Amino acid sequence: MVADPAAFLNLDLELRCLEDLAPLASYLEQRAMVLYSGESGGEFRLTVEPLMGGHSNIGPDLCTGEMLTTLATLPEHLLRLFQACHLRVFDYGFDGGIDDKPCSVDLSASQLAEVVRIGIAIRITVYPYRTSKGQAPDA
């Protein structure tokens, strides 16, 4: 069996709001990959990933920096829309892997302070190992 280490996959910014997020999605699609934008369950949702050189999974610190820079450049009317969101989450996705080596990542105190300052929660999602067919290895 080939070793498959735990690894960082991506960073998603997830937003939920009672106001239409389409204007924010239009702005962000020029700077990030819009994964979802629409209405669901009586609210508007927007999920985006940062893109750096066409890649979305360079590293959590670089992805965080890229998203923070993008958010810092929001025009005033879009900043107000962002602030109106009742859910603002950075969701860091990791592949759990099957190798016994741990996966450690660091975010700087200054990045974390900025995340807190603009009111973004942090979620860590660890995906279990799946074979190429999407099944657990012992299934």
N, C-alpha and C. Protein backbone atom coordinates (compact mmCIF):
# COMPACT_ATOMS: atom_id res chain seq x y z
N MET A 1 0.85 -1.18 0.00
CA MET A 1 0.00 0.00 0.00
C MET A 1 0.90 1.24 0.00
N VAL A 2 0.57 2.20 -0.82
CA VAL A 2 1.33 3.44 -0.92
C VAL A 2 0.97 4.33 0.26
N ALA A 3 2.00 4.92 0.88
CA ALA A 3 1.76 5.85 1.99
C ALA A 3 1.01 7.07 1.47
N ASP A 4 0.02 7.49 2.21
CA ASP A 4 -0.78 8.65 1.84
C ASP A 4 -0.84 9.55 3.07
N PRO A 5 0.00 10.57 3.13
CA PRO A 5 0.09 11.38 4.35
C PRO A 5 -1.09 12.33 4.50
N ALA A 6 -1.34 12.71 5.74
CA ALA A 6 -2.30 13.78 6.02
C ALA A 6 -1.77 15.04 5.36
N ALA A 7 -2.68 15.87 4.84
CA ALA A 7 -2.23 17.07 4.12
C ALA A 7 -3.33 18.12 4.08
N PHE A 8 -2.90 19.37 3.97
CA PHE A 8 -3.83 20.47 3.77
C PHE A 8 -4.42 20.36 2.37
N LEU A 9 -5.73 20.55 2.24
CA LEU A 9 -6.40 20.50 0.95
C LEU A 9 -6.78 21.88 0.44
N ASN A 10 -7.51 22.64 1.28
CA ASN A 10 -8.00 23.93 0.81
C ASN A 10 -8.54 24.78 1.96
N LEU A 11 -8.81 26.02 1.65
CA LEU A 11 -9.47 26.94 2.56
C LEU A 11 -10.71 27.46 1.87
N ASP A 12 -11.84 27.30 2.51
CA ASP A 12 -13.09 27.86 2.00
C ASP A 12 -13.52 29.00 2.91
N LEU A 13 -14.00 30.06 2.32
CA LEU A 13 -14.69 31.12 3.06
C LEU A 13 -16.17 30.87 2.84
N GLU A 14 -16.89 30.61 3.93
CA GLU A 14 -18.32 30.37 3.84
C GLU A 14 -19.06 31.54 4.47
N LEU A 15 -20.03 32.06 3.73
CA LEU A 15 -20.83 33.19 4.19
C LEU A 15 -22.31 32.83 4.09
N ARG A 16 -23.08 33.29 5.07
CA ARG A 16 -24.54 33.15 5.04
C ARG A 16 -25.14 34.48 5.47
N CYS A 17 -26.21 34.86 4.77
CA CYS A 17 -26.77 36.18 4.99
C CYS A 17 -28.25 36.18 4.62
N LEU A 18 -29.01 37.09 5.20
CA LEU A 18 -30.41 37.26 4.81
C LEU A 18 -30.52 38.15 3.58
N GLU A 19 -29.44 38.83 3.22
CA GLU A 19 -29.39 39.67 2.02
C GLU A 19 -28.74 38.88 0.89
N ASP A 20 -29.08 39.24 -0.33
CA ASP A 20 -28.53 38.58 -1.52
C ASP A 20 -27.03 38.83 -1.61
N LEU A 21 -26.24 37.76 -1.70
CA LEU A 21 -24.78 37.85 -1.75
C LEU A 21 -24.24 37.88 -3.18
N ALA A 22 -25.12 37.96 -4.18
CA ALA A 22 -24.68 37.95 -5.58
C ALA A 22 -23.70 39.08 -5.90
N PRO A 23 -23.90 40.31 -5.40
CA PRO A 23 -22.91 41.36 -5.69
C PRO A 23 -21.52 41.02 -5.14
N LEU A 24 -21.47 40.41 -3.97
CA LEU A 24 -20.20 40.01 -3.38
C LEU A 24 -19.58 38.87 -4.18
N ALA A 25 -20.40 37.93 -4.62
CA ALA A 25 -19.92 36.82 -5.45
C ALA A 25 -19.32 37.35 -6.75
N SER A 26 -19.98 38.32 -7.37
CA SER A 26 -19.48 38.89 -8.62
C SER A 26 -18.11 39.54 -8.43
N TYR A 27 -17.95 40.23 -7.34
CA TYR A 27 -16.66 40.88 -7.04
C TYR A 27 -15.59 39.81 -6.77
N LEU A 28 -15.93 38.82 -5.96
CA LEU A 28 -14.95 37.82 -5.56
C LEU A 28 -14.57 36.87 -6.68
N GLU A 29 -15.45 36.64 -7.65
CA GLU A 29 -15.14 35.68 -8.71
C GLU A 29 -13.98 36.15 -9.59
N GLN A 30 -13.63 37.42 -9.49
CA GLN A 30 -12.47 37.94 -10.22
C GLN A 30 -11.18 37.74 -9.42
N ARG A 31 -11.31 37.32 -8.16
CA ARG A 31 -10.17 37.19 -7.27
C ARG A 31 -10.06 35.83 -6.59
N ALA A 32 -11.09 35.01 -6.72
CA ALA A 32 -11.15 33.71 -6.04
C ALA A 32 -12.04 32.78 -6.86
N MET A 33 -12.09 31.52 -6.45
CA MET A 33 -12.96 30.56 -7.10
C MET A 33 -14.28 30.50 -6.32
N VAL A 34 -15.36 30.88 -6.97
CA VAL A 34 -16.67 30.81 -6.34
C VAL A 34 -17.17 29.37 -6.48
N LEU A 35 -17.33 28.70 -5.35
CA LEU A 35 -17.78 27.31 -5.35
C LEU A 35 -19.30 27.22 -5.32
N TYR A 36 -19.93 28.17 -4.62
CA TYR A 36 -21.38 28.19 -4.55
C TYR A 36 -21.85 29.60 -4.26
N SER A 37 -22.90 30.01 -4.94
CA SER A 37 -23.55 31.28 -4.66
C SER A 37 -25.03 31.11 -4.97
N GLY A 38 -25.86 31.28 -3.96
CA GLY A 38 -27.29 31.13 -4.19
C GLY A 38 -28.08 31.13 -2.92
N GLU A 39 -29.37 30.88 -3.09
CA GLU A 39 -30.29 30.86 -1.96
C GLU A 39 -30.54 29.42 -1.55
N SER A 40 -30.57 29.21 -0.24
CA SER A 40 -30.80 27.88 0.29
C SER A 40 -31.36 27.99 1.70
N GLY A 41 -32.47 27.35 1.94
CA GLY A 41 -33.03 27.33 3.29
C GLY A 41 -33.44 28.70 3.80
N GLY A 42 -33.89 29.58 2.93
CA GLY A 42 -34.35 30.89 3.35
C GLY A 42 -33.25 31.90 3.60
N GLU A 43 -32.05 31.58 3.20
CA GLU A 43 -30.93 32.52 3.33
C GLU A 43 -30.05 32.42 2.10
N PHE A 44 -29.16 33.38 1.96
CA PHE A 44 -28.22 33.39 0.85
C PHE A 44 -26.89 32.85 1.34
N ARG A 45 -26.26 32.04 0.50
CA ARG A 45 -24.97 31.42 0.85
C ARG A 45 -23.95 31.69 -0.24
N LEU A 46 -22.73 31.84 0.20
CA LEU A 46 -21.61 32.05 -0.72
C LEU A 46 -20.41 31.30 -0.16
N THR A 47 -19.78 30.49 -1.00
CA THR A 47 -18.57 29.77 -0.62
C THR A 47 -17.52 30.02 -1.69
N VAL A 48 -16.34 30.48 -1.26
CA VAL A 48 -15.24 30.77 -2.18
C VAL A 48 -13.94 30.20 -1.64
N GLU A 49 -13.00 29.94 -2.56
CA GLU A 49 -11.64 29.53 -2.23
C GLU A 49 -10.67 30.53 -2.83
N PRO A 50 -9.60 30.84 -2.13
CA PRO A 50 -8.59 31.72 -2.74
C PRO A 50 -7.86 31.00 -3.87
N LEU A 51 -7.43 31.76 -4.84
CA LEU A 51 -6.63 31.22 -5.94
C LEU A 51 -5.32 32.00 -6.03
N MET A 52 -4.23 31.27 -6.03
CA MET A 52 -2.92 31.89 -6.16
C MET A 52 -2.19 31.18 -7.28
N GLY A 53 -2.01 31.86 -8.38
CA GLY A 53 -1.38 31.23 -9.53
C GLY A 53 -2.19 30.06 -10.06
N GLY A 54 -3.53 30.13 -9.90
CA GLY A 54 -4.39 29.06 -10.37
C GLY A 54 -4.52 27.90 -9.41
N HIS A 55 -3.89 27.98 -8.25
CA HIS A 55 -3.93 26.90 -7.27
C HIS A 55 -4.74 27.34 -6.05
N SER A 56 -5.48 26.42 -5.46
CA SER A 56 -6.28 26.73 -4.29
C SER A 56 -5.73 26.12 -3.01
N ASN A 57 -4.66 25.33 -3.11
CA ASN A 57 -4.19 24.58 -1.94
C ASN A 57 -2.70 24.77 -1.67
N ILE A 58 -2.21 25.97 -1.78
CA ILE A 58 -0.77 26.21 -1.61
C ILE A 58 -0.33 25.98 -0.16
N GLY A 59 -1.11 26.40 0.77
CA GLY A 59 -0.82 26.23 2.20
C GLY A 59 -1.78 27.09 2.98
N PRO A 60 -2.12 26.68 4.20
CA PRO A 60 -3.11 27.43 4.96
C PRO A 60 -2.70 28.86 5.26
N ASP A 61 -1.42 29.08 5.54
CA ASP A 61 -0.98 30.45 5.85
C ASP A 61 -1.07 31.35 4.63
N LEU A 62 -0.64 30.86 3.47
CA LEU A 62 -0.72 31.65 2.25
C LEU A 62 -2.17 31.86 1.80
N CYS A 63 -2.99 30.82 1.93
CA CYS A 63 -4.41 30.94 1.57
C CYS A 63 -5.10 31.95 2.49
N THR A 64 -4.79 31.88 3.78
CA THR A 64 -5.38 32.83 4.73
C THR A 64 -4.96 34.24 4.38
N GLY A 65 -3.68 34.45 4.11
CA GLY A 65 -3.19 35.78 3.74
C GLY A 65 -3.86 36.30 2.49
N GLU A 66 -4.03 35.43 1.50
CA GLU A 66 -4.68 35.83 0.25
C GLU A 66 -6.13 36.24 0.48
N MET A 67 -6.86 35.45 1.28
CA MET A 67 -8.26 35.79 1.55
C MET A 67 -8.37 37.07 2.36
N LEU A 68 -7.49 37.25 3.33
CA LEU A 68 -7.52 38.48 4.13
C LEU A 68 -7.22 39.70 3.27
N THR A 69 -6.27 39.57 2.35
CA THR A 69 -5.95 40.68 1.45
C THR A 69 -7.15 40.99 0.55
N THR A 70 -7.78 39.96 0.03
CA THR A 70 -8.96 40.14 -0.82
C THR A 70 -10.07 40.85 -0.04
N LEU A 71 -10.32 40.41 1.18
CA LEU A 71 -11.38 41.02 1.98
C LEU A 71 -11.05 42.46 2.36
N ALA A 72 -9.77 42.75 2.55
CA ALA A 72 -9.35 44.11 2.90
C ALA A 72 -9.56 45.09 1.77
N THR A 73 -9.70 44.58 0.54
CA THR A 73 -9.88 45.46 -0.61
C THR A 73 -11.35 45.61 -1.03
N LEU A 74 -12.26 45.06 -0.23
CA LEU A 74 -13.68 45.16 -0.59
C LEU A 74 -14.11 46.62 -0.63
N PRO A 75 -14.82 47.02 -1.66
CA PRO A 75 -15.42 48.36 -1.68
C PRO A 75 -16.39 48.49 -0.50
N GLU A 76 -16.64 49.70 -0.06
CA GLU A 76 -17.44 49.95 1.14
C GLU A 76 -18.81 49.25 1.11
N HIS A 77 -19.53 49.31 -0.02
CA HIS A 77 -20.86 48.69 -0.07
C HIS A 77 -20.78 47.16 0.06
N LEU A 78 -19.71 46.56 -0.44
CA LEU A 78 -19.54 45.11 -0.31
C LEU A 78 -19.03 44.74 1.08
N LEU A 79 -18.25 45.61 1.69
CA LEU A 79 -17.82 45.40 3.07
C LEU A 79 -19.03 45.38 3.99
N ARG A 80 -19.97 46.29 3.76
CA ARG A 80 -21.20 46.30 4.57
C ARG A 80 -21.99 45.00 4.37
N LEU A 81 -22.04 44.50 3.14
CA LEU A 81 -22.72 43.24 2.87
C LEU A 81 -22.01 42.09 3.58
N PHE A 82 -20.69 42.06 3.52
CA PHE A 82 -19.90 41.05 4.22
C PHE A 82 -20.18 41.10 5.72
N GLN A 83 -20.22 42.31 6.28
CA GLN A 83 -20.46 42.47 7.72
C GLN A 83 -21.89 42.10 8.11
N ALA A 84 -22.82 42.15 7.14
CA ALA A 84 -24.21 41.77 7.42
C ALA A 84 -24.39 40.26 7.51
N CYS A 85 -23.40 39.50 7.09
CA CYS A 85 -23.50 38.04 7.14
C CYS A 85 -23.55 37.56 8.59
N HIS A 86 -24.51 36.69 8.88
CA HIS A 86 -24.60 36.15 10.24
C HIS A 86 -23.67 34.95 10.42
N LEU A 87 -23.10 34.45 9.33
CA LEU A 87 -22.09 33.39 9.41
C LEU A 87 -20.94 33.77 8.49
N ARG A 88 -19.75 33.84 9.07
CA ARG A 88 -18.52 34.08 8.32
C ARG A 88 -17.50 33.09 8.88
N VAL A 89 -17.10 32.12 8.05
CA VAL A 89 -16.22 31.04 8.51
C VAL A 89 -15.10 30.78 7.52
N PHE A 90 -13.88 30.67 8.03
CA PHE A 90 -12.78 30.09 7.27
C PHE A 90 -12.78 28.61 7.60
N ASP A 91 -13.03 27.76 6.60
CA ASP A 91 -13.06 26.31 6.79
C ASP A 91 -11.80 25.73 6.16
N TYR A 92 -10.88 25.28 7.02
CA TYR A 92 -9.62 24.68 6.57
C TYR A 92 -9.83 23.18 6.40
N GLY A 93 -9.67 22.70 5.16
CA GLY A 93 -9.88 21.29 4.86
C GLY A 93 -8.57 20.53 4.80
N PHE A 94 -8.56 19.38 5.44
CA PHE A 94 -7.38 18.51 5.48
C PHE A 94 -7.78 17.10 5.10
N ASP A 95 -6.90 16.41 4.39
CA ASP A 95 -7.03 14.99 4.12
C ASP A 95 -6.40 14.27 5.30
N GLY A 96 -7.15 13.37 5.94
CA GLY A 96 -6.64 12.66 7.11
C GLY A 96 -5.48 11.73 6.80
N GLY A 97 -5.41 11.26 5.56
CA GLY A 97 -4.31 10.37 5.15
C GLY A 97 -4.35 9.04 5.86
N ILE A 98 -3.39 8.17 5.49
CA ILE A 98 -3.25 6.86 6.15
C ILE A 98 -1.83 6.65 6.64
N ASP A 99 -0.97 7.62 6.42
CA ASP A 99 0.41 7.55 6.88
C ASP A 99 0.42 7.89 8.37
N ASP A 100 1.45 7.41 9.09
CA ASP A 100 1.50 7.68 10.52
C ASP A 100 2.18 9.01 10.86
N LYS A 101 2.58 9.77 9.87
CA LYS A 101 3.22 11.05 10.14
C LYS A 101 2.15 12.13 10.33
N PRO A 102 2.31 12.94 11.38
CA PRO A 102 1.32 14.00 11.61
C PRO A 102 1.47 15.15 10.61
N CYS A 103 0.41 15.87 10.45
CA CYS A 103 0.40 17.06 9.60
C CYS A 103 0.23 18.26 10.53
N SER A 104 1.22 19.12 10.57
CA SER A 104 1.16 20.31 11.41
C SER A 104 1.20 21.54 10.54
N VAL A 105 0.37 22.52 10.86
CA VAL A 105 0.38 23.79 10.15
C VAL A 105 0.33 24.92 11.17
N ASP A 106 0.87 26.04 10.78
CA ASP A 106 0.88 27.20 11.65
C ASP A 106 0.22 28.38 10.95
N LEU A 107 -0.54 29.15 11.70
CA LEU A 107 -1.02 30.45 11.26
C LEU A 107 -0.42 31.46 12.21
N SER A 108 0.05 32.57 11.68
CA SER A 108 0.71 33.56 12.51
C SER A 108 -0.29 34.26 13.43
N ALA A 109 0.22 34.77 14.52
CA ALA A 109 -0.62 35.51 15.46
C ALA A 109 -1.24 36.72 14.78
N SER A 110 -0.50 37.35 13.87
CA SER A 110 -1.05 38.53 13.18
C SER A 110 -2.21 38.14 12.26
N GLN A 111 -2.10 36.99 11.58
CA GLN A 111 -3.21 36.52 10.75
C GLN A 111 -4.43 36.20 11.62
N LEU A 112 -4.20 35.50 12.71
CA LEU A 112 -5.31 35.16 13.60
C LEU A 112 -5.97 36.41 14.16
N ALA A 113 -5.16 37.40 14.51
CA ALA A 113 -5.71 38.66 15.03
C ALA A 113 -6.59 39.34 13.99
N GLU A 114 -6.18 39.30 12.73
CA GLU A 114 -6.97 39.92 11.66
C GLU A 114 -8.26 39.13 11.43
N VAL A 115 -8.18 37.81 11.48
CA VAL A 115 -9.37 36.97 11.33
C VAL A 115 -10.38 37.33 12.43
N VAL A 116 -9.90 37.46 13.65
CA VAL A 116 -10.77 37.81 14.77
C VAL A 116 -11.31 39.24 14.59
N ARG A 117 -10.47 40.15 14.17
CA ARG A 117 -10.88 41.56 14.02
C ARG A 117 -12.04 41.71 13.05
N ILE A 118 -12.03 40.94 11.96
CA ILE A 118 -13.11 41.08 10.98
C ILE A 118 -14.25 40.08 11.22
N GLY A 119 -14.18 39.35 12.31
CA GLY A 119 -15.31 38.52 12.72
C GLY A 119 -15.50 37.23 11.97
N ILE A 120 -14.41 36.57 11.63
CA ILE A 120 -14.50 35.29 10.93
C ILE A 120 -14.19 34.17 11.92
N ALA A 121 -15.08 33.18 11.97
CA ALA A 121 -14.84 31.99 12.79
C ALA A 121 -13.92 31.05 12.03
N ILE A 122 -13.35 30.11 12.74
CA ILE A 122 -12.47 29.12 12.12
C ILE A 122 -13.06 27.73 12.33
N ARG A 123 -13.09 26.96 11.24
CA ARG A 123 -13.54 25.57 11.28
C ARG A 123 -12.41 24.73 10.68
N ILE A 124 -12.17 23.58 11.28
CA ILE A 124 -11.20 22.61 10.76
C ILE A 124 -11.99 21.38 10.33
N THR A 125 -11.86 21.00 9.05
CA THR A 125 -12.53 19.81 8.54
C THR A 125 -11.46 18.81 8.12
N VAL A 126 -11.50 17.62 8.72
CA VAL A 126 -10.56 16.56 8.37
C VAL A 126 -11.36 15.47 7.66
N TYR A 127 -11.00 15.24 6.40
CA TYR A 127 -11.69 14.23 5.60
C TYR A 127 -11.03 12.87 5.81
N PRO A 128 -11.83 11.82 6.01
CA PRO A 128 -11.25 10.49 6.19
C PRO A 128 -10.68 9.98 4.87
N TYR A 129 -9.77 9.06 5.00
CA TYR A 129 -9.16 8.44 3.82
C TYR A 129 -10.23 7.74 3.00
N ARG A 130 -10.16 7.91 1.70
CA ARG A 130 -11.05 7.23 0.76
C ARG A 130 -10.21 6.71 -0.40
N THR A 131 -10.58 5.56 -0.90
CA THR A 131 -9.91 5.05 -2.10
C THR A 131 -10.37 5.88 -3.28
N SER A 132 -9.82 5.61 -4.43
CA SER A 132 -10.20 6.36 -5.63
C SER A 132 -11.67 6.20 -5.97
N LYS A 133 -12.31 5.14 -5.48
CA LYS A 133 -13.72 4.93 -5.74
C LYS A 133 -14.60 5.55 -4.67
N GLY A 134 -13.99 6.28 -3.71
CA GLY A 134 -14.74 6.96 -2.69
C GLY A 134 -15.12 6.09 -1.49
N GLN A 135 -14.57 4.89 -1.41
CA GLN A 135 -14.89 3.97 -0.31
C GLN A 135 -13.77 4.00 0.73
N ALA A 136 -14.15 3.78 1.96
CA ALA A 136 -13.15 3.61 3.02
C ALA A 136 -12.33 2.38 2.69
N PRO A 137 -11.04 2.31 3.07
CA PRO A 137 -10.18 1.20 2.66
C PRO A 137 -10.66 -0.17 3.15
N ASP A 138 -11.38 -0.26 4.27
CA ASP A 138 -11.83 -1.54 4.80
C ASP A 138 -13.29 -1.84 4.44
N ALA A 139 -13.90 -1.02 3.60
CA ALA A 139 -15.33 -1.21 3.29
C ALA A 139 -15.55 -2.33 2.31
